[in-house]
Amino acid sequence: MNFSAYIIPVIIIFLMIYAYYKKINAYESFIKGAKEGLKYSFEILPYVASMIIATSVFRSSLFVETITKHLNLARLINPDILTFMIFKPISGMASLAVLKEIYQNYGPDSFLGLYASVIQGSSDTTLY
């Protein structure tokens, strides 16, 4: 077995020992944290759903193809890469979906696959 298989159990044991010495009820603390996390996840759920729907509508419309066609007049950038570059600042998940399509169509070790990987790794989603 490798070292990484032991990391989570060691952390859990360490936290239980720490809670025992500090006289903290670990189970109650866990339940309290889970309730707070669940509350926050329900608070952000409408925002996440609206972003998913907006990117789906944006992607299924002809707007992306129109932008790609007008930006790529000189045929300098592959249309799939240009689509990826349009989606990257808007939605991280949509850009990952486009990246997956690039990998499926051209392969991850192709020039376009490596090009898209560099863009994915060196930029961040700006709209949340």
N, C-alpha and C. Protein backbone atom coordinates (compact mmCIF):
# COMPACT_ATOMS: atom_id res chain seq x y z
N MET A 1 0.84 -1.19 0.00
CA MET A 1 0.00 0.00 0.00
C MET A 1 0.87 1.24 0.00
N ASN A 2 0.32 2.28 -0.54
CA ASN A 2 1.07 3.52 -0.60
C ASN A 2 0.71 4.44 0.57
N PHE A 3 1.48 5.48 0.68
CA PHE A 3 1.35 6.43 1.79
C PHE A 3 0.02 7.17 1.75
N SER A 4 -0.47 7.48 0.55
CA SER A 4 -1.69 8.29 0.44
C SER A 4 -2.93 7.58 0.97
N ALA A 5 -2.91 6.27 1.05
CA ALA A 5 -4.07 5.54 1.58
C ALA A 5 -4.22 5.75 3.09
N TYR A 6 -3.17 6.18 3.75
CA TYR A 6 -3.20 6.35 5.21
C TYR A 6 -3.45 7.79 5.65
N ILE A 7 -3.43 8.73 4.74
CA ILE A 7 -3.51 10.15 5.12
C ILE A 7 -4.83 10.48 5.81
N ILE A 8 -5.96 10.16 5.19
CA ILE A 8 -7.28 10.50 5.75
C ILE A 8 -7.51 9.82 7.10
N PRO A 9 -7.25 8.51 7.24
CA PRO A 9 -7.44 7.90 8.56
C PRO A 9 -6.55 8.51 9.64
N VAL A 10 -5.32 8.88 9.29
CA VAL A 10 -4.42 9.50 10.26
C VAL A 10 -4.96 10.87 10.68
N ILE A 11 -5.47 11.63 9.73
CA ILE A 11 -6.03 12.94 10.07
C ILE A 11 -7.25 12.79 10.98
N ILE A 12 -8.11 11.83 10.69
CA ILE A 12 -9.30 11.60 11.52
C ILE A 12 -8.89 11.19 12.93
N ILE A 13 -7.94 10.29 13.05
CA ILE A 13 -7.47 9.86 14.37
C ILE A 13 -6.85 11.03 15.12
N PHE A 14 -6.05 11.83 14.42
CA PHE A 14 -5.44 13.00 15.06
C PHE A 14 -6.51 13.96 15.57
N LEU A 15 -7.55 14.22 14.77
CA LEU A 15 -8.61 15.12 15.20
C LEU A 15 -9.39 14.57 16.39
N MET A 16 -9.60 13.27 16.42
CA MET A 16 -10.30 12.66 17.56
C MET A 16 -9.46 12.79 18.84
N ILE A 17 -8.17 12.56 18.73
CA ILE A 17 -7.29 12.70 19.90
C ILE A 17 -7.24 14.16 20.35
N TYR A 18 -7.15 15.08 19.40
CA TYR A 18 -7.14 16.50 19.73
C TYR A 18 -8.43 16.91 20.43
N ALA A 19 -9.57 16.45 19.91
CA ALA A 19 -10.86 16.77 20.52
C ALA A 19 -10.96 16.18 21.92
N TYR A 20 -10.41 15.01 22.13
CA TYR A 20 -10.44 14.38 23.45
C TYR A 20 -9.64 15.20 24.46
N TYR A 21 -8.45 15.65 24.07
CA TYR A 21 -7.63 16.43 25.00
C TYR A 21 -8.17 17.83 25.25
N LYS A 22 -8.85 18.40 24.27
CA LYS A 22 -9.43 19.74 24.44
C LYS A 22 -10.83 19.69 25.04
N LYS A 23 -11.32 18.48 25.33
CA LYS A 23 -12.66 18.28 25.91
C LYS A 23 -13.76 18.84 25.00
N ILE A 24 -13.62 18.56 23.70
CA ILE A 24 -14.59 18.99 22.70
C ILE A 24 -15.39 17.77 22.27
N ASN A 25 -16.71 17.93 22.18
CA ASN A 25 -17.54 16.86 21.68
C ASN A 25 -17.41 16.84 20.15
N ALA A 26 -16.61 15.92 19.63
CA ALA A 26 -16.30 15.88 18.20
C ALA A 26 -17.54 15.61 17.36
N TYR A 27 -18.40 14.75 17.82
CA TYR A 27 -19.60 14.41 17.06
C TYR A 27 -20.52 15.62 16.93
N GLU A 28 -20.74 16.33 18.04
CA GLU A 28 -21.59 17.52 18.00
C GLU A 28 -20.98 18.61 17.12
N SER A 29 -19.66 18.75 17.18
CA SER A 29 -18.99 19.74 16.32
C SER A 29 -19.15 19.37 14.85
N PHE A 30 -19.05 18.07 14.55
CA PHE A 30 -19.23 17.61 13.18
C PHE A 30 -20.65 17.88 12.69
N ILE A 31 -21.63 17.58 13.53
CA ILE A 31 -23.03 17.81 13.16
C ILE A 31 -23.30 19.30 12.95
N LYS A 32 -22.75 20.14 13.82
CA LYS A 32 -22.93 21.58 13.68
C LYS A 32 -22.31 22.08 12.37
N GLY A 33 -21.12 21.62 12.05
CA GLY A 33 -20.47 22.01 10.80
C GLY A 33 -21.22 21.51 9.58
N ALA A 34 -21.75 20.29 9.66
CA ALA A 34 -22.51 19.75 8.53
C ALA A 34 -23.79 20.54 8.31
N LYS A 35 -24.45 20.96 9.40
CA LYS A 35 -25.67 21.77 9.27
C LYS A 35 -25.36 23.12 8.62
N GLU A 36 -24.26 23.75 9.06
CA GLU A 36 -23.88 25.04 8.47
C GLU A 36 -23.52 24.88 7.00
N GLY A 37 -22.78 23.84 6.67
CA GLY A 37 -22.41 23.60 5.28
C GLY A 37 -23.62 23.35 4.40
N LEU A 38 -24.57 22.60 4.92
CA LEU A 38 -25.80 22.32 4.17
C LEU A 38 -26.61 23.60 3.98
N LYS A 39 -26.63 24.44 5.01
CA LYS A 39 -27.36 25.71 4.91
C LYS A 39 -26.74 26.58 3.81
N TYR A 40 -25.41 26.67 3.79
CA TYR A 40 -24.74 27.49 2.78
C TYR A 40 -24.90 26.90 1.39
N SER A 41 -24.91 25.58 1.28
CA SER A 41 -25.08 24.98 -0.04
C SER A 41 -26.47 25.27 -0.60
N PHE A 42 -27.49 25.29 0.27
CA PHE A 42 -28.83 25.64 -0.20
C PHE A 42 -28.92 27.13 -0.55
N GLU A 43 -28.12 27.97 0.11
CA GLU A 43 -28.14 29.39 -0.21
C GLU A 43 -27.53 29.67 -1.58
N ILE A 44 -26.48 28.94 -1.96
CA ILE A 44 -25.84 29.21 -3.24
C ILE A 44 -26.42 28.39 -4.39
N LEU A 45 -27.30 27.45 -4.10
CA LEU A 45 -27.87 26.59 -5.14
C LEU A 45 -28.56 27.37 -6.25
N PRO A 46 -29.37 28.39 -5.97
CA PRO A 46 -30.00 29.12 -7.09
C PRO A 46 -28.98 29.82 -7.99
N TYR A 47 -27.90 30.32 -7.41
CA TYR A 47 -26.87 30.98 -8.21
C TYR A 47 -26.16 29.98 -9.12
N VAL A 48 -25.85 28.82 -8.58
CA VAL A 48 -25.18 27.78 -9.37
C VAL A 48 -26.11 27.30 -10.49
N ALA A 49 -27.37 27.07 -10.16
CA ALA A 49 -28.32 26.61 -11.17
C ALA A 49 -28.50 27.66 -12.27
N SER A 50 -28.58 28.92 -11.90
CA SER A 50 -28.75 29.96 -12.91
C SER A 50 -27.52 30.07 -13.81
N MET A 51 -26.32 29.89 -13.26
CA MET A 51 -25.11 29.92 -14.07
C MET A 51 -25.07 28.74 -15.03
N ILE A 52 -25.48 27.56 -14.57
CA ILE A 52 -25.50 26.37 -15.43
C ILE A 52 -26.49 26.57 -16.57
N ILE A 53 -27.67 27.08 -16.25
CA ILE A 53 -28.68 27.30 -17.28
C ILE A 53 -28.22 28.38 -18.26
N ALA A 54 -27.63 29.45 -17.75
CA ALA A 54 -27.19 30.53 -18.63
C ALA A 54 -26.09 30.06 -19.58
N THR A 55 -25.13 29.30 -19.09
CA THR A 55 -24.07 28.81 -19.98
C THR A 55 -24.61 27.79 -20.97
N SER A 56 -25.59 27.00 -20.57
CA SER A 56 -26.19 26.04 -21.50
C SER A 56 -26.93 26.76 -22.62
N VAL A 57 -27.69 27.78 -22.27
CA VAL A 57 -28.41 28.56 -23.28
C VAL A 57 -27.41 29.29 -24.18
N PHE A 58 -26.38 29.86 -23.59
CA PHE A 58 -25.36 30.58 -24.36
C PHE A 58 -24.66 29.64 -25.33
N ARG A 59 -24.37 28.44 -24.86
CA ARG A 59 -23.66 27.48 -25.69
C ARG A 59 -24.55 26.91 -26.79
N SER A 60 -25.81 26.71 -26.52
CA SER A 60 -26.70 26.14 -27.53
C SER A 60 -27.18 27.17 -28.55
N SER A 61 -27.02 28.44 -28.25
CA SER A 61 -27.43 29.47 -29.20
C SER A 61 -26.37 29.59 -30.30
N LEU A 62 -26.73 30.28 -31.35
CA LEU A 62 -25.78 30.50 -32.45
C LEU A 62 -24.84 31.67 -32.16
N PHE A 63 -24.99 32.27 -31.00
CA PHE A 63 -24.17 33.43 -30.65
C PHE A 63 -22.69 33.07 -30.59
N VAL A 64 -22.38 31.90 -30.04
CA VAL A 64 -20.98 31.48 -29.92
C VAL A 64 -20.38 31.27 -31.31
N GLU A 65 -21.12 30.63 -32.21
CA GLU A 65 -20.62 30.41 -33.56
C GLU A 65 -20.42 31.73 -34.30
N THR A 66 -21.33 32.68 -34.07
CA THR A 66 -21.22 33.99 -34.71
C THR A 66 -19.98 34.73 -34.21
N ILE A 67 -19.77 34.72 -32.90
CA ILE A 67 -18.58 35.37 -32.34
C ILE A 67 -17.33 34.69 -32.86
N THR A 68 -17.32 33.38 -32.88
CA THR A 68 -16.16 32.64 -33.35
C THR A 68 -15.87 32.97 -34.81
N LYS A 69 -16.92 33.05 -35.62
CA LYS A 69 -16.73 33.35 -37.04
C LYS A 69 -16.16 34.75 -37.23
N HIS A 70 -16.66 35.72 -36.48
CA HIS A 70 -16.19 37.10 -36.64
C HIS A 70 -14.80 37.32 -36.04
N LEU A 71 -14.49 36.65 -34.97
CA LEU A 71 -13.17 36.81 -34.37
C LEU A 71 -12.09 36.06 -35.14
N ASN A 72 -12.48 35.07 -35.90
CA ASN A 72 -11.52 34.22 -36.58
C ASN A 72 -11.53 34.50 -38.09
N LEU A 73 -11.58 35.77 -38.46
CA LEU A 73 -11.61 36.12 -39.88
C LEU A 73 -10.32 35.74 -40.59
N ALA A 74 -9.21 35.86 -39.92
CA ALA A 74 -7.91 35.55 -40.54
C ALA A 74 -7.57 34.07 -40.44
N ARG A 75 -8.42 33.28 -39.78
CA ARG A 75 -8.20 31.83 -39.60
C ARG A 75 -6.90 31.54 -38.87
N LEU A 76 -6.59 32.39 -37.90
CA LEU A 76 -5.36 32.20 -37.13
C LEU A 76 -5.55 31.23 -35.97
N ILE A 77 -6.75 31.13 -35.44
CA ILE A 77 -7.00 30.29 -34.27
C ILE A 77 -8.08 29.28 -34.65
N ASN A 78 -7.89 28.06 -34.23
CA ASN A 78 -8.87 27.01 -34.47
C ASN A 78 -10.19 27.40 -33.82
N PRO A 79 -11.33 27.17 -34.48
CA PRO A 79 -12.63 27.55 -33.90
C PRO A 79 -12.93 26.88 -32.56
N ASP A 80 -12.46 25.64 -32.37
CA ASP A 80 -12.69 24.98 -31.08
C ASP A 80 -11.91 25.66 -29.96
N ILE A 81 -10.68 26.07 -30.26
CA ILE A 81 -9.88 26.79 -29.26
C ILE A 81 -10.50 28.15 -28.98
N LEU A 82 -10.99 28.80 -30.01
CA LEU A 82 -11.63 30.10 -29.81
C LEU A 82 -12.89 29.97 -28.96
N THR A 83 -13.67 28.93 -29.20
CA THR A 83 -14.84 28.67 -28.35
C THR A 83 -14.41 28.44 -26.92
N PHE A 84 -13.34 27.68 -26.73
CA PHE A 84 -12.81 27.43 -25.39
C PHE A 84 -12.38 28.74 -24.73
N MET A 85 -11.73 29.61 -25.51
CA MET A 85 -11.27 30.89 -24.96
C MET A 85 -12.44 31.81 -24.61
N ILE A 86 -13.56 31.67 -25.30
CA ILE A 86 -14.74 32.47 -24.98
C ILE A 86 -15.36 31.99 -23.67
N PHE A 87 -15.42 30.67 -23.49
CA PHE A 87 -16.09 30.11 -22.31
C PHE A 87 -15.23 30.16 -21.05
N LYS A 88 -13.92 30.19 -21.18
CA LYS A 88 -13.05 30.11 -20.00
C LYS A 88 -13.32 31.21 -18.98
N PRO A 89 -13.44 32.48 -19.37
CA PRO A 89 -13.72 33.50 -18.34
C PRO A 89 -15.14 33.46 -17.79
N ILE A 90 -16.06 32.85 -18.53
CA ILE A 90 -17.46 32.86 -18.13
C ILE A 90 -17.79 31.73 -17.17
N SER A 91 -17.40 30.51 -17.51
CA SER A 91 -17.79 29.36 -16.71
C SER A 91 -16.69 28.31 -16.74
N GLY A 92 -16.24 27.95 -15.57
CA GLY A 92 -15.21 26.92 -15.47
C GLY A 92 -15.71 25.56 -15.94
N MET A 93 -16.94 25.21 -15.59
CA MET A 93 -17.48 23.91 -15.98
C MET A 93 -17.75 23.85 -17.48
N ALA A 94 -18.23 24.94 -18.06
CA ALA A 94 -18.46 24.96 -19.51
C ALA A 94 -17.13 24.86 -20.26
N SER A 95 -16.11 25.53 -19.74
CA SER A 95 -14.81 25.44 -20.40
C SER A 95 -14.23 24.04 -20.27
N LEU A 96 -14.49 23.36 -19.16
CA LEU A 96 -14.05 21.97 -19.04
C LEU A 96 -14.78 21.06 -20.02
N ALA A 97 -16.05 21.35 -20.27
CA ALA A 97 -16.80 20.56 -21.25
C ALA A 97 -16.23 20.77 -22.66
N VAL A 98 -15.89 22.01 -22.99
CA VAL A 98 -15.28 22.29 -24.29
C VAL A 98 -13.90 21.64 -24.37
N LEU A 99 -13.15 21.67 -23.27
CA LEU A 99 -11.84 21.02 -23.23
C LEU A 99 -11.98 19.52 -23.46
N LYS A 100 -12.98 18.93 -22.87
CA LYS A 100 -13.23 17.50 -23.07
C LYS A 100 -13.53 17.20 -24.54
N GLU A 101 -14.31 18.06 -25.18
CA GLU A 101 -14.60 17.88 -26.60
C GLU A 101 -13.33 18.00 -27.45
N ILE A 102 -12.47 18.94 -27.09
CA ILE A 102 -11.21 19.09 -27.81
C ILE A 102 -10.36 17.83 -27.65
N TYR A 103 -10.31 17.30 -26.44
CA TYR A 103 -9.57 16.06 -26.22
C TYR A 103 -10.16 14.90 -27.02
N GLN A 104 -11.48 14.82 -27.07
CA GLN A 104 -12.11 13.73 -27.81
C GLN A 104 -11.90 13.86 -29.31
N ASN A 105 -11.94 15.08 -29.83
CA ASN A 105 -11.82 15.29 -31.27
C ASN A 105 -10.38 15.24 -31.76
N TYR A 106 -9.45 15.79 -30.99
CA TYR A 106 -8.07 15.92 -31.46
C TYR A 106 -7.07 15.11 -30.65
N GLY A 107 -7.45 14.71 -29.45
CA GLY A 107 -6.54 13.97 -28.59
C GLY A 107 -5.84 14.89 -27.61
N PRO A 108 -5.56 14.40 -26.39
CA PRO A 108 -4.93 15.26 -25.39
C PRO A 108 -3.46 15.59 -25.69
N ASP A 109 -2.80 14.77 -26.51
CA ASP A 109 -1.39 15.01 -26.82
C ASP A 109 -1.20 15.72 -28.15
N SER A 110 -2.28 16.10 -28.80
CA SER A 110 -2.17 16.85 -30.05
C SER A 110 -1.80 18.30 -29.74
N PHE A 111 -1.46 19.04 -30.79
CA PHE A 111 -1.12 20.44 -30.59
C PHE A 111 -2.29 21.21 -29.97
N LEU A 112 -3.50 20.98 -30.50
CA LEU A 112 -4.68 21.69 -29.97
C LEU A 112 -5.00 21.25 -28.54
N GLY A 113 -4.80 19.97 -28.23
CA GLY A 113 -5.02 19.49 -26.87
C GLY A 113 -4.05 20.13 -25.88
N LEU A 114 -2.79 20.22 -26.28
CA LEU A 114 -1.79 20.85 -25.41
C LEU A 114 -2.04 22.35 -25.30
N TYR A 115 -2.43 22.97 -26.39
CA TYR A 115 -2.73 24.40 -26.41
C TYR A 115 -3.88 24.71 -25.45
N ALA A 116 -4.94 23.92 -25.53
CA ALA A 116 -6.09 24.11 -24.63
C ALA A 116 -5.71 23.81 -23.19
N SER A 117 -4.83 22.85 -22.97
CA SER A 117 -4.40 22.53 -21.60
C SER A 117 -3.62 23.68 -20.98
N VAL A 118 -2.79 24.34 -21.79
CA VAL A 118 -2.04 25.49 -21.28
C VAL A 118 -3.00 26.63 -20.92
N ILE A 119 -4.00 26.86 -21.75
CA ILE A 119 -4.98 27.90 -21.44
C ILE A 119 -5.75 27.55 -20.17
N GLN A 120 -6.15 26.29 -20.04
CA GLN A 120 -6.90 25.85 -18.86
C GLN A 120 -6.06 26.01 -17.59
N GLY A 121 -4.79 25.66 -17.68
CA GLY A 121 -3.95 25.70 -16.48
C GLY A 121 -3.43 27.08 -16.12
N SER A 122 -3.43 28.00 -17.08
CA SER A 122 -2.81 29.29 -16.81
C SER A 122 -3.81 30.43 -16.69
N SER A 123 -5.09 30.13 -16.73
CA SER A 123 -6.08 31.18 -16.58
C SER A 123 -7.14 30.75 -15.58
N ASP A 124 -7.97 31.70 -15.21
CA ASP A 124 -8.99 31.42 -14.20
C ASP A 124 -10.32 31.98 -14.67
N THR A 125 -11.38 31.41 -14.15
CA THR A 125 -12.71 31.92 -14.44
C THR A 125 -12.88 33.24 -13.69
N THR A 126 -13.30 34.27 -14.39
CA THR A 126 -13.41 35.59 -13.75
C THR A 126 -14.82 35.92 -13.29
N LEU A 127 -15.83 35.36 -13.92
CA LEU A 127 -17.21 35.61 -13.51
C LEU A 127 -17.70 34.43 -12.69
N TYR A 128 -18.20 34.71 -11.51
CA TYR A 128 -18.70 33.64 -10.65
C TYR A 128 -20.15 33.88 -10.35
